[in-house]
């Protein structure tokens, strides 16, 4: 089986990383809604000077007065077969009545991610449109401020891959991989990961339940899709315990890890040199992904720099790079001028040169201009939880 090259939609990271407990059918409804608004998303990507609540500048006077936006989609666009109309209708009604959603955004003051909580993604009613059954979705203007924000960037989702996923957890892991892991973010508190997968942190009492009922089957399914050629990357999982957590886990056999770390395995990197140790290959892939997606370094430069990383320097490198990341984050938080791509490339070359893996100064390609993003929304004190 080969990877499909069409039927791709652009999905904003805030949409893909929202906390919800949607079923397979409900996730496909969300993707259909996102697909219906492709022009809005693409305009958001190219619009570099977006003020807060920029979605409102696209609304009509009536929409502003009503407080909501109406989107009408034919039911046939939400499912392939008329025999499934009843199932899809029930899923939509359930979303409108009983499925809350929390949408992430980043606070401009402290660069911390918060979640704006809403009782539902939409309200709806079923109507006839040209002799066909359709759904009239109503989205509140307050929700749209968050649902169409560029705080978490944009990813490209293959709907054919989604249709080949075996479960809702598998679909969510695929979307999380695109919106989060492939952007260099692979370390997470396990309870926060549960919230991403199922909408709330206390969904599972035991870590073993998360693994057996949700995460491990999703990881296995992603590897199956990779082996079939449907996707070009898959994740593997490592768990880390503090001494206290490790003792508790050993005594009770139910302890939660201190944090989870996902390793991204990319097809292109794995076929290049099968003689490189697996641990080193994984670390090089992680570094390349971080440089490209977190620091806007060109692919050629990121690939060249990551190739200078070797096993003997991994311990020093992890500690050193974490300090540099904190320094960059602090400069950004204080709104101090910084060309982060040029800075990180420069200090990496110095690190590798000091350790003999870069004996001659090489001339890397210039990095692209930073991708402009929207200003995040201010905290909403009444309904937010710190992430």
Protein backbone atom coordinates (compact mmCIF):
# COMPACT_ATOMS: atom_id res chain seq x y z
CA UNK A 1 0.00 0.00 0.00
CA UNK A 2 1.34 3.46 -0.85
CA UNK A 3 0.81 6.70 0.99
CA UNK A 4 -2.10 8.72 -0.44
CA UNK A 5 -1.07 12.02 -1.99
CA UNK A 6 -4.47 13.69 -2.11
CA UNK A 7 -7.38 14.30 0.24
CA UNK A 8 -5.22 16.41 2.56
CA UNK A 9 -6.50 19.21 4.80
CA UNK A 10 -4.70 21.92 6.73
CA UNK A 11 -5.45 21.73 10.46
CA UNK A 12 -4.54 24.37 13.01
CA UNK A 13 -2.58 23.04 15.96
CA UNK A 14 -5.12 24.40 18.45
CA UNK A 15 -7.75 22.25 16.76
CA UNK A 16 -5.60 19.10 16.71
CA UNK A 17 -4.46 19.53 20.33
CA UNK A 18 -7.87 20.33 21.81
CA UNK A 19 -8.94 18.21 24.76
CA UNK A 20 -12.05 16.18 24.02
CA UNK A 21 -13.40 12.67 24.29
CA UNK A 22 -14.77 12.26 20.78
CA UNK A 23 -15.49 8.91 19.15
CA UNK A 24 -14.22 7.85 15.72
CA UNK A 25 -17.33 9.25 14.01
CA UNK A 26 -17.17 12.49 16.01
CA UNK A 27 -13.49 13.02 15.17
CA UNK A 28 -14.33 12.62 11.48
CA UNK A 29 -17.11 15.20 11.88
CA UNK A 30 -14.57 17.65 13.33
CA UNK A 31 -12.19 16.97 10.44
CA UNK A 32 -15.03 17.55 7.97
CA UNK A 33 -15.79 20.90 9.64
CA UNK A 34 -12.11 21.84 9.50
CA UNK A 35 -11.96 20.76 5.87
CA UNK A 36 -15.00 22.91 5.11
CA UNK A 37 -13.08 25.99 6.34
CA UNK A 38 -9.84 25.49 4.42
CA UNK A 39 -9.81 28.99 2.97
CA UNK A 40 -10.05 30.49 6.46
CA UNK A 41 -7.14 28.36 7.71
CA UNK A 42 -4.95 29.09 4.70
CA UNK A 43 -5.64 32.81 5.03
CA UNK A 44 -4.61 32.58 8.68
CA UNK A 45 -1.30 31.00 7.75
CA UNK A 46 -0.30 33.78 5.37
CA UNK A 47 -1.69 36.65 7.49
CA UNK A 48 1.34 37.69 9.50
CA UNK A 49 -0.15 40.58 11.49
CA UNK A 50 -3.15 39.06 13.21
CA UNK A 51 -4.55 41.05 16.13
CA UNK A 52 -6.27 39.35 19.01
CA UNK A 53 -9.64 37.89 18.09
CA UNK A 54 -8.83 38.37 14.41
CA UNK A 55 -11.59 35.93 13.44
CA UNK A 56 -14.09 38.69 14.18
CA UNK A 57 -12.85 40.89 11.35
CA UNK A 58 -14.27 38.23 8.99
CA UNK A 59 -17.74 38.30 10.53
CA UNK A 60 -20.72 40.18 9.18
CA UNK A 61 -22.66 42.71 11.23
CA UNK A 62 -25.47 40.17 11.66
CA UNK A 63 -23.08 37.50 12.89
CA UNK A 64 -21.60 39.92 15.38
CA UNK A 65 -25.07 40.86 16.61
CA UNK A 66 -26.27 37.24 16.80
CA UNK A 67 -23.13 36.13 18.64
CA UNK A 68 -22.67 33.02 16.51
CA UNK A 69 -21.78 31.85 13.00
CA UNK A 70 -23.92 29.39 11.04
CA UNK A 71 -22.21 26.74 8.91
CA UNK A 72 -24.40 24.41 6.82
CA UNK A 73 -22.92 21.07 5.65
CA UNK A 74 -24.80 18.33 3.83
CA UNK A 75 -24.95 15.09 5.79
CA UNK A 76 -23.57 13.24 2.77
CA UNK A 77 -20.36 15.30 3.17
CA UNK A 78 -19.99 13.94 6.69
CA UNK A 79 -20.27 10.25 5.84
CA UNK A 80 -19.81 8.16 2.74
CA UNK A 81 -22.94 6.00 2.88
CA UNK A 82 -26.60 6.82 3.50
CA UNK A 83 -26.82 3.67 5.64
CA UNK A 84 -24.70 5.49 8.23
CA UNK A 85 -26.81 8.66 8.39
CA UNK A 86 -28.45 7.60 11.65
CA UNK A 87 -25.09 6.87 13.30
CA UNK A 88 -23.64 10.21 12.22
CA UNK A 89 -26.77 12.13 13.33
CA UNK A 90 -26.59 10.52 16.78
CA UNK A 91 -22.88 11.35 17.04
CA UNK A 92 -23.51 15.00 16.14
CA UNK A 93 -26.37 15.32 18.65
CA UNK A 94 -24.15 13.77 21.33
CA UNK A 95 -21.38 16.29 20.55
CA UNK A 96 -23.82 19.18 20.84
CA UNK A 97 -25.37 18.02 24.12
CA UNK A 98 -22.76 16.10 26.13
CA UNK A 99 -19.23 16.57 24.76
CA UNK A 100 -17.24 19.53 26.16
CA UNK A 101 -14.06 20.74 24.48
CA UNK A 102 -11.03 22.64 25.80
CA UNK A 103 -8.97 24.60 23.26
CA UNK A 104 -5.31 25.53 23.94
CA UNK A 105 -3.72 28.93 23.56
CA UNK A 106 -0.45 30.45 24.71
CA UNK A 107 -0.37 33.40 27.10
CA UNK A 108 1.79 36.25 25.84
CA UNK A 109 2.92 37.16 29.37
CA UNK A 110 4.56 33.92 30.49
CA UNK A 111 4.45 31.76 27.32
CA UNK A 112 2.48 29.11 29.23
CA UNK A 113 -0.25 27.15 27.47
CA UNK A 114 -3.73 27.51 28.91
CA UNK A 115 -7.02 25.89 27.92
CA UNK A 116 -10.27 27.72 27.25
CA UNK A 117 -13.12 25.41 28.19
CA UNK A 118 -16.45 25.27 26.37
CA UNK A 119 -19.48 23.04 27.08
CA UNK A 120 -19.68 22.07 23.40
CA UNK A 121 -18.04 22.75 20.05
CA UNK A 122 -21.36 23.73 18.46
CA UNK A 123 -25.13 23.61 18.71
CA UNK A 124 -27.02 22.26 15.72
CA UNK A 125 -30.25 21.35 14.01
CA UNK A 126 -31.02 19.20 10.99
CA UNK A 127 -32.57 20.83 7.93
CA UNK A 128 -33.36 20.14 4.28
CA UNK A 129 -31.15 21.82 1.69
CA UNK A 130 -32.08 21.33 -1.97
CA UNK A 131 -33.87 18.09 -1.15
CA UNK A 132 -30.89 16.76 0.82
CA UNK A 133 -30.53 16.32 4.57
CA UNK A 134 -28.04 18.81 6.03
CA UNK A 135 -26.74 19.99 9.39
CA UNK A 136 -26.88 23.63 10.47
CA UNK A 137 -23.96 24.06 12.86
CA UNK A 138 -23.87 27.12 15.10
CA UNK A 139 -20.48 28.19 16.50
CA UNK A 140 -20.31 30.90 19.15
CA UNK A 141 -18.08 33.84 18.31
CA UNK A 142 -16.23 33.38 21.61
CA UNK A 143 -15.32 29.80 20.68
CA UNK A 144 -14.20 30.79 17.17
CA UNK A 145 -11.69 33.21 18.70
CA UNK A 146 -9.83 30.16 20.01
CA UNK A 147 -10.73 27.49 17.44
CA UNK A 148 -9.22 29.62 14.64
CA UNK A 149 -6.05 30.80 16.37
CA UNK A 150 -2.52 30.31 15.03
CA UNK A 151 -0.99 29.82 18.50
CA UNK A 152 0.06 26.22 17.75
CA UNK A 153 0.89 26.52 14.06
CA UNK A 154 -0.59 24.36 11.31
CA UNK A 155 -0.27 20.73 10.21
CA UNK A 156 -1.41 18.75 7.16
CA UNK A 157 -3.70 15.78 7.82
CA UNK A 158 -4.23 12.97 5.30
CA UNK A 159 -7.89 12.01 5.56
CA UNK A 160 -7.18 8.66 3.88
CA UNK A 161 -4.81 7.83 6.75
CA UNK A 162 -7.53 8.78 9.25
CA UNK A 163 -9.93 6.39 7.50
CA UNK A 164 -7.41 3.55 7.90
CA UNK A 165 -6.94 4.12 11.65
CA UNK A 166 -8.45 1.39 13.80
CA UNK A 167 -9.73 3.49 16.71
CA UNK A 168 -10.35 6.98 18.04
CA UNK A 169 -7.11 6.73 20.03
CA UNK A 170 -5.22 5.87 16.84
CA UNK A 171 -6.70 8.89 15.04
CA UNK A 172 -5.81 11.15 17.95
CA UNK A 173 -2.25 9.84 18.15
CA UNK A 174 -1.84 10.46 14.41
CA UNK A 175 -3.06 14.05 14.80
CA UNK A 176 -0.95 14.61 17.94
CA UNK A 177 2.08 13.34 16.03
CA UNK A 178 1.51 15.90 13.28
CA UNK A 179 0.57 18.86 15.49
CA UNK A 180 2.97 18.22 18.37
CA UNK A 181 5.67 15.54 18.08
CA UNK A 182 6.81 16.49 14.57
CA UNK A 183 7.27 20.05 15.81
CA UNK A 184 9.88 18.88 18.32
CA UNK A 185 7.71 18.51 21.42
CA UNK A 186 8.06 14.92 22.62
CA UNK A 187 8.16 15.11 26.45
CA UNK A 188 4.91 15.35 28.41
CA UNK A 189 3.29 14.75 31.78
CA UNK A 190 1.30 11.49 31.41
CA UNK A 191 -1.87 12.97 32.92
CA UNK A 192 -1.76 15.83 30.41
CA UNK A 193 -1.36 13.27 27.64
CA UNK A 194 -4.46 11.45 28.93
CA UNK A 195 -6.34 14.76 28.69
CA UNK A 196 -5.25 15.12 25.06
CA UNK A 197 -6.47 11.62 24.27
CA UNK A 198 -9.68 11.55 26.33
CA UNK A 199 -10.58 15.09 27.38
CA UNK A 200 -9.71 14.96 31.10
CA UNK A 201 -6.68 14.05 33.18
CA UNK A 202 -8.46 11.58 35.49
CA UNK A 203 -9.94 9.46 32.69
CA UNK A 204 -7.77 6.49 33.79
CA UNK A 205 -7.01 5.58 37.38
CA UNK A 206 -3.94 3.50 36.53
CA UNK A 207 -1.16 3.98 34.02
CA UNK A 208 -1.52 0.33 33.00
CA UNK A 209 -5.08 1.11 31.87
CA UNK A 210 -3.85 3.93 29.63
CA UNK A 211 -1.28 1.62 28.07
CA UNK A 212 -3.48 -1.43 27.55
CA UNK A 213 -6.73 0.27 26.55
CA UNK A 214 -5.53 3.27 24.56
CA UNK A 215 -1.88 4.19 24.04
CA UNK A 216 -0.21 0.86 23.19
CA UNK A 217 -2.91 -0.15 20.66
CA UNK A 218 -2.60 3.31 19.08
CA UNK A 219 1.21 3.01 18.89
CA UNK A 220 0.88 -0.46 17.34
CA UNK A 221 -1.63 0.83 14.80
CA UNK A 222 0.63 3.72 13.86
CA UNK A 223 3.50 1.28 13.27
CA UNK A 224 1.15 -0.79 11.09
CA UNK A 225 0.34 2.28 9.00
CA UNK A 226 4.08 2.99 8.71
CA UNK A 227 4.81 -0.57 7.57
CA UNK A 228 2.03 -0.29 4.98
CA UNK A 229 3.52 2.94 3.61
CA UNK A 230 0.53 5.06 4.68
CA UNK A 231 2.65 7.36 6.89
CA UNK A 232 6.32 8.27 6.89
CA UNK A 233 6.84 8.36 10.64
CA UNK A 234 5.81 6.53 13.78
CA UNK A 235 6.33 6.99 17.53
CA UNK A 236 7.82 4.78 20.22
CA UNK A 237 7.41 5.44 23.92
CA UNK A 238 9.80 5.67 26.89
CA UNK A 239 8.67 6.22 30.49
CA UNK A 240 10.69 8.00 33.15
CA UNK A 241 10.23 7.86 36.92
CA UNK A 242 11.68 9.99 39.69
CA UNK A 243 13.09 7.95 42.58
CA UNK A 244 9.93 8.52 44.61
CA UNK A 245 7.64 7.61 41.71
CA UNK A 246 9.71 4.54 40.87
CA UNK A 247 9.44 3.24 44.46
CA UNK A 248 5.70 3.86 44.51
CA UNK A 249 5.28 2.08 41.18
CA UNK A 250 7.31 -0.91 42.37
CA UNK A 251 5.35 -1.22 45.59
CA UNK A 252 1.87 -0.82 44.10
CA UNK A 253 2.48 -1.81 40.46
CA UNK A 254 0.15 1.00 39.40
CA UNK A 255 2.33 4.12 39.63
CA UNK A 256 2.25 6.83 37.00
CA UNK A 257 5.57 7.80 35.36
CA UNK A 258 7.01 11.24 36.06
CA UNK A 259 6.83 11.96 32.32
CA UNK A 260 6.54 10.27 28.93
CA UNK A 261 9.04 10.74 26.12
CA UNK A 262 8.12 9.87 22.53
CA UNK A 263 10.76 9.13 19.92
CA UNK A 264 9.94 9.96 16.30
CA UNK A 265 11.15 7.46 13.71
CA UNK A 266 11.19 8.87 10.16
CA UNK A 267 11.42 6.71 7.06
CA UNK A 268 13.94 8.97 5.30
CA UNK A 269 16.34 8.93 8.22
CA UNK A 270 16.11 5.16 8.77
CA UNK A 271 17.05 4.22 5.20
CA UNK A 272 20.08 6.49 4.98
CA UNK A 273 22.49 4.56 7.22
CA UNK A 274 21.52 1.29 8.84
CA UNK A 275 24.92 1.10 10.58
CA UNK A 276 24.18 4.00 12.94
CA UNK A 277 23.16 2.80 16.44
CA UNK A 278 19.44 3.14 17.08
CA UNK A 279 19.90 5.47 20.07
CA UNK A 280 22.09 7.85 18.10
CA UNK A 281 19.79 7.79 15.07
CA UNK A 282 16.83 8.68 17.28
CA UNK A 283 18.68 11.57 18.92
CA UNK A 284 19.74 12.94 15.55
CA UNK A 285 16.15 12.79 14.30
CA UNK A 286 14.91 14.59 17.43
CA UNK A 287 17.52 17.34 16.98
CA UNK A 288 16.71 17.80 13.29
CA UNK A 289 12.98 18.06 13.99
CA UNK A 290 13.52 20.60 16.78
CA UNK A 291 15.77 22.78 14.66
CA UNK A 292 13.34 22.80 11.73
CA UNK A 293 10.06 23.22 13.56
CA UNK A 294 10.96 25.06 16.77
CA UNK A 295 13.75 27.29 15.47
CA UNK A 296 12.86 27.67 11.77
CA UNK A 297 16.24 26.33 10.62
CA UNK A 298 16.36 25.14 7.01
CA UNK A 299 16.13 21.38 6.45
CA UNK A 300 19.60 21.21 4.87
CA UNK A 301 21.24 23.01 7.80
CA UNK A 302 19.30 21.00 10.40
CA UNK A 303 20.30 17.75 8.73
CA UNK A 304 23.95 18.77 8.51
CA UNK A 305 24.12 19.90 12.15
CA UNK A 306 22.40 16.79 13.53
CA UNK A 307 24.91 14.58 11.69
CA UNK A 308 27.68 15.91 13.97
CA UNK A 309 26.01 14.45 17.07
CA UNK A 310 27.70 11.26 18.36
CA UNK A 311 27.05 8.81 21.20
CA UNK A 312 29.97 9.94 23.34
CA UNK A 313 28.62 13.46 23.70
CA UNK A 314 24.92 12.70 24.25
CA UNK A 315 24.99 13.22 28.02
CA UNK A 316 26.69 16.61 27.77
CA UNK A 317 24.58 17.61 24.80
CA UNK A 318 21.18 17.02 26.44
CA UNK A 319 22.06 19.21 29.45
CA UNK A 320 23.75 21.87 27.31
CA UNK A 321 20.92 22.11 24.76
CA UNK A 322 18.29 22.36 27.51
CA UNK A 323 20.13 25.40 28.92
CA UNK A 324 20.19 27.04 25.49
CA UNK A 325 16.48 26.40 24.99
CA UNK A 326 15.69 28.03 28.35
CA UNK A 327 17.83 31.02 27.39
CA UNK A 328 16.00 31.47 24.08
CA UNK A 329 12.61 31.09 25.77
CA UNK A 330 13.54 33.71 28.38
CA UNK A 331 14.64 36.21 25.73
CA UNK A 332 11.36 35.72 23.89
CA UNK A 333 9.37 36.05 27.11
CA UNK A 334 11.06 39.37 27.88
CA UNK A 335 10.47 40.55 24.28
CA UNK A 336 14.20 41.01 23.76
CA UNK A 337 15.32 40.99 20.12
CA UNK A 338 16.73 37.64 19.01
CA UNK A 339 17.25 35.84 15.73
CA UNK A 340 16.68 32.43 17.23
CA UNK A 341 17.58 30.43 14.10
CA UNK A 342 20.91 32.19 13.64
CA UNK A 343 21.66 31.94 17.38
CA UNK A 344 20.96 28.22 17.74
CA UNK A 345 22.93 27.36 14.58
CA UNK A 346 25.89 29.39 15.82
CA UNK A 347 26.03 27.87 19.31
CA UNK A 348 25.56 24.34 17.94
CA UNK A 349 28.52 24.78 15.61
CA UNK A 350 30.55 25.97 18.59
CA UNK A 351 29.47 22.97 20.69
CA UNK A 352 30.41 20.45 17.99
CA UNK A 353 33.68 22.23 17.17
CA UNK A 354 34.75 22.22 20.83
CA UNK A 355 34.24 18.45 20.92
CA UNK A 356 36.06 17.71 17.69
CA UNK A 357 33.10 16.60 15.57
CA UNK A 358 33.22 19.83 13.57
CA UNK A 359 36.95 20.55 13.12
CA UNK A 360 36.49 22.89 10.17
CA UNK A 361 34.00 25.71 10.14
CA UNK A 362 31.34 24.91 7.58
CA UNK A 363 29.14 27.42 5.81
CA UNK A 364 25.55 26.43 6.44
CA UNK A 365 22.69 27.72 4.36
CA UNK A 366 21.03 30.79 5.73
CA UNK A 367 17.92 30.09 7.71
CA UNK A 368 14.56 31.36 6.51
CA UNK A 369 12.83 34.32 8.07
CA UNK A 370 10.83 33.30 11.14
CA UNK A 371 7.26 32.29 10.33
CA UNK A 372 4.96 35.03 11.62
CA UNK A 373 2.37 33.91 14.12
CA UNK A 374 -0.58 35.56 15.73
CA UNK A 375 -0.47 37.21 19.09
CA UNK A 376 -1.97 34.83 21.68
CA UNK A 377 -5.17 35.62 23.45
CA UNK A 378 -5.12 37.04 27.00
CA UNK A 379 -6.08 34.72 29.87
CA UNK A 380 -9.76 34.25 30.55
CA UNK A 381 -9.85 33.89 34.29
CA UNK A 382 -13.29 32.35 34.55
CA UNK A 383 -12.78 29.15 32.60
CA UNK A 384 -9.12 28.33 32.19
CA UNK A 385 -6.86 25.62 33.55
CA UNK A 386 -3.11 25.91 33.58
CA UNK A 387 -1.53 23.25 31.34
